[in-house]
């Protein structure tokens, strides 16, 4: 199973690739700060996530009989063994 959240991988999903949630919360705090300081919400540009993370669960891969290539493992932000 592929998901967008690391929490699913920690709960035995095979892998996830998605936006870094803590970074998104930090960006949301920046927006709230700007609004509280008087910036109109309509004047704040919409932003796309800039930090993404790849998390792989090797235990699940092994259980499914899959071998994850070393090049993919090297790119992962976290590998759960």
C-alpha atoms as a PDB file:
ATOM      1  CA  UNK A   1       0.000   0.000   0.000  1.00  0.00           C
ATOM      2  CA  UNK A   2       1.255   3.458  -0.915  1.00  0.00           C
ATOM      3  CA  UNK A   3       0.091   6.415   1.166  1.00  0.00           C
ATOM      4  CA  UNK A   4       0.707  10.121   1.564  1.00  0.00           C
ATOM      5  CA  UNK A   5       1.472  10.055   5.282  1.00  0.00           C
ATOM      6  CA  UNK A   6       4.351   8.591   7.266  1.00  0.00           C
ATOM      7  CA  UNK A   7       1.906   7.506   9.995  1.00  0.00           C
ATOM      8  CA  UNK A   8       0.469   4.832   7.696  1.00  0.00           C
ATOM      9  CA  UNK A   9       3.963   3.462   7.056  1.00  0.00           C
ATOM     10  CA  UNK A  10       4.632   3.355  10.782  1.00  0.00           C
ATOM     11  CA  UNK A  11       1.391   1.325  11.004  1.00  0.00           C
ATOM     12  CA  UNK A  12       2.709  -1.227   8.433  1.00  0.00           C
ATOM     13  CA  UNK A  13       1.950   0.351   5.022  1.00  0.00           C
ATOM     14  CA  UNK A  14       4.694  -0.251   2.464  1.00  0.00           C
ATOM     15  CA  UNK A  15       5.694   3.341   1.715  1.00  0.00           C
ATOM     16  CA  UNK A  16       4.573   6.931   1.639  1.00  0.00           C
ATOM     17  CA  UNK A  17       5.485   9.966  -0.381  1.00  0.00           C
ATOM     18  CA  UNK A  18       3.906  13.259   0.433  1.00  0.00           C
ATOM     19  CA  UNK A  19       4.267  16.728   1.813  1.00  0.00           C
ATOM     20  CA  UNK A  20       6.115  17.111   5.100  1.00  0.00           C
ATOM     21  CA  UNK A  21       3.210  17.766   7.497  1.00  0.00           C
ATOM     22  CA  UNK A  22       5.205  19.559  10.249  1.00  0.00           C
ATOM     23  CA  UNK A  23       6.569  21.945   7.611  1.00  0.00           C
ATOM     24  CA  UNK A  24       3.034  22.637   6.398  1.00  0.00           C
ATOM     25  CA  UNK A  25       1.949  23.494   9.962  1.00  0.00           C
ATOM     26  CA  UNK A  26       4.887  25.899  10.282  1.00  0.00           C
ATOM     27  CA  UNK A  27       3.852  27.589   7.040  1.00  0.00           C
ATOM     28  CA  UNK A  28       0.255  27.816   8.308  1.00  0.00           C
ATOM     29  CA  UNK A  29       1.561  29.545  11.450  1.00  0.00           C
ATOM     30  CA  UNK A  30       3.316  32.088   9.225  1.00  0.00           C
ATOM     31  CA  UNK A  31       0.010  32.771   7.446  1.00  0.00           C
ATOM     32  CA  UNK A  32      -1.807  33.186  10.763  1.00  0.00           C
ATOM     33  CA  UNK A  33       0.913  35.581  11.959  1.00  0.00           C
ATOM     34  CA  UNK A  34       0.568  37.724   8.820  1.00  0.00           C
ATOM     35  CA  UNK A  35      -3.213  37.858   9.175  1.00  0.00           C
ATOM     36  CA  UNK A  36      -3.011  38.750  12.870  1.00  0.00           C
ATOM     37  CA  UNK A  37      -0.608  41.558  11.971  1.00  0.00           C
ATOM     38  CA  UNK A  38      -3.150  43.023   9.569  1.00  0.00           C
ATOM     39  CA  UNK A  39      -2.466  41.476   6.157  1.00  0.00           C
ATOM     40  CA  UNK A  40      -5.671  40.722   4.320  1.00  0.00           C
ATOM     41  CA  UNK A  41      -5.968  36.972   3.623  1.00  0.00           C
ATOM     42  CA  UNK A  42      -6.685  37.704  -0.042  1.00  0.00           C
ATOM     43  CA  UNK A  43      -3.329  39.481  -0.322  1.00  0.00           C
ATOM     44  CA  UNK A  44      -1.351  36.427   0.797  1.00  0.00           C
ATOM     45  CA  UNK A  45      -0.304  34.246  -2.153  1.00  0.00           C
ATOM     46  CA  UNK A  46      -1.281  30.582  -2.172  1.00  0.00           C
ATOM     47  CA  UNK A  47       1.714  28.307  -1.630  1.00  0.00           C
ATOM     48  CA  UNK A  48       2.398  24.745  -2.655  1.00  0.00           C
ATOM     49  CA  UNK A  49       4.288  22.404  -0.318  1.00  0.00           C
ATOM     50  CA  UNK A  50       8.033  22.603  -0.854  1.00  0.00           C
ATOM     51  CA  UNK A  51       9.244  19.780   1.386  1.00  0.00           C
ATOM     52  CA  UNK A  52       8.289  16.200   0.602  1.00  0.00           C
ATOM     53  CA  UNK A  53       9.353  12.982   2.285  1.00  0.00           C
ATOM     54  CA  UNK A  54       9.691   9.363   1.246  1.00  0.00           C
ATOM     55  CA  UNK A  55       9.282   6.761   3.995  1.00  0.00           C
ATOM     56  CA  UNK A  56       9.726   3.027   3.362  1.00  0.00           C
ATOM     57  CA  UNK A  57       8.835   0.109   5.606  1.00  0.00           C
ATOM     58  CA  UNK A  58      11.302  -2.712   4.872  1.00  0.00           C
ATOM     59  CA  UNK A  59       9.521  -5.122   7.202  1.00  0.00           C
ATOM     60  CA  UNK A  60       6.345  -4.812   5.125  1.00  0.00           C
ATOM     61  CA  UNK A  61       8.324  -5.098   1.885  1.00  0.00           C
ATOM     62  CA  UNK A  62       9.912  -8.312   3.136  1.00  0.00           C
ATOM     63  CA  UNK A  63       6.501  -9.667   4.176  1.00  0.00           C
ATOM     64  CA  UNK A  64       5.219  -8.999   0.656  1.00  0.00           C
ATOM     65  CA  UNK A  65       8.288 -10.615  -0.910  1.00  0.00           C
ATOM     66  CA  UNK A  66       9.492  -7.320  -2.397  1.00  0.00           C
ATOM     67  CA  UNK A  67      13.042  -6.072  -2.700  1.00  0.00           C
ATOM     68  CA  UNK A  68      13.438  -2.306  -2.633  1.00  0.00           C
ATOM     69  CA  UNK A  69      16.365  -1.218  -4.838  1.00  0.00           C
ATOM     70  CA  UNK A  70      19.288   0.344  -2.944  1.00  0.00           C
ATOM     71  CA  UNK A  71      18.981   3.521  -5.011  1.00  0.00           C
ATOM     72  CA  UNK A  72      15.414   4.000  -3.760  1.00  0.00           C
ATOM     73  CA  UNK A  73      16.440   3.263  -0.171  1.00  0.00           C
ATOM     74  CA  UNK A  74      19.221   5.837  -0.468  1.00  0.00           C
ATOM     75  CA  UNK A  75      16.709   8.498  -1.480  1.00  0.00           C
ATOM     76  CA  UNK A  76      14.324   7.724   1.384  1.00  0.00           C
ATOM     77  CA  UNK A  77      14.040  10.217   4.205  1.00  0.00           C
ATOM     78  CA  UNK A  78      13.312   7.373   6.607  1.00  0.00           C
ATOM     79  CA  UNK A  79      13.568   3.593   6.339  1.00  0.00           C
ATOM     80  CA  UNK A  80      11.674   1.558   8.937  1.00  0.00           C
ATOM     81  CA  UNK A  81      13.294  -1.799   9.522  1.00  0.00           C
END
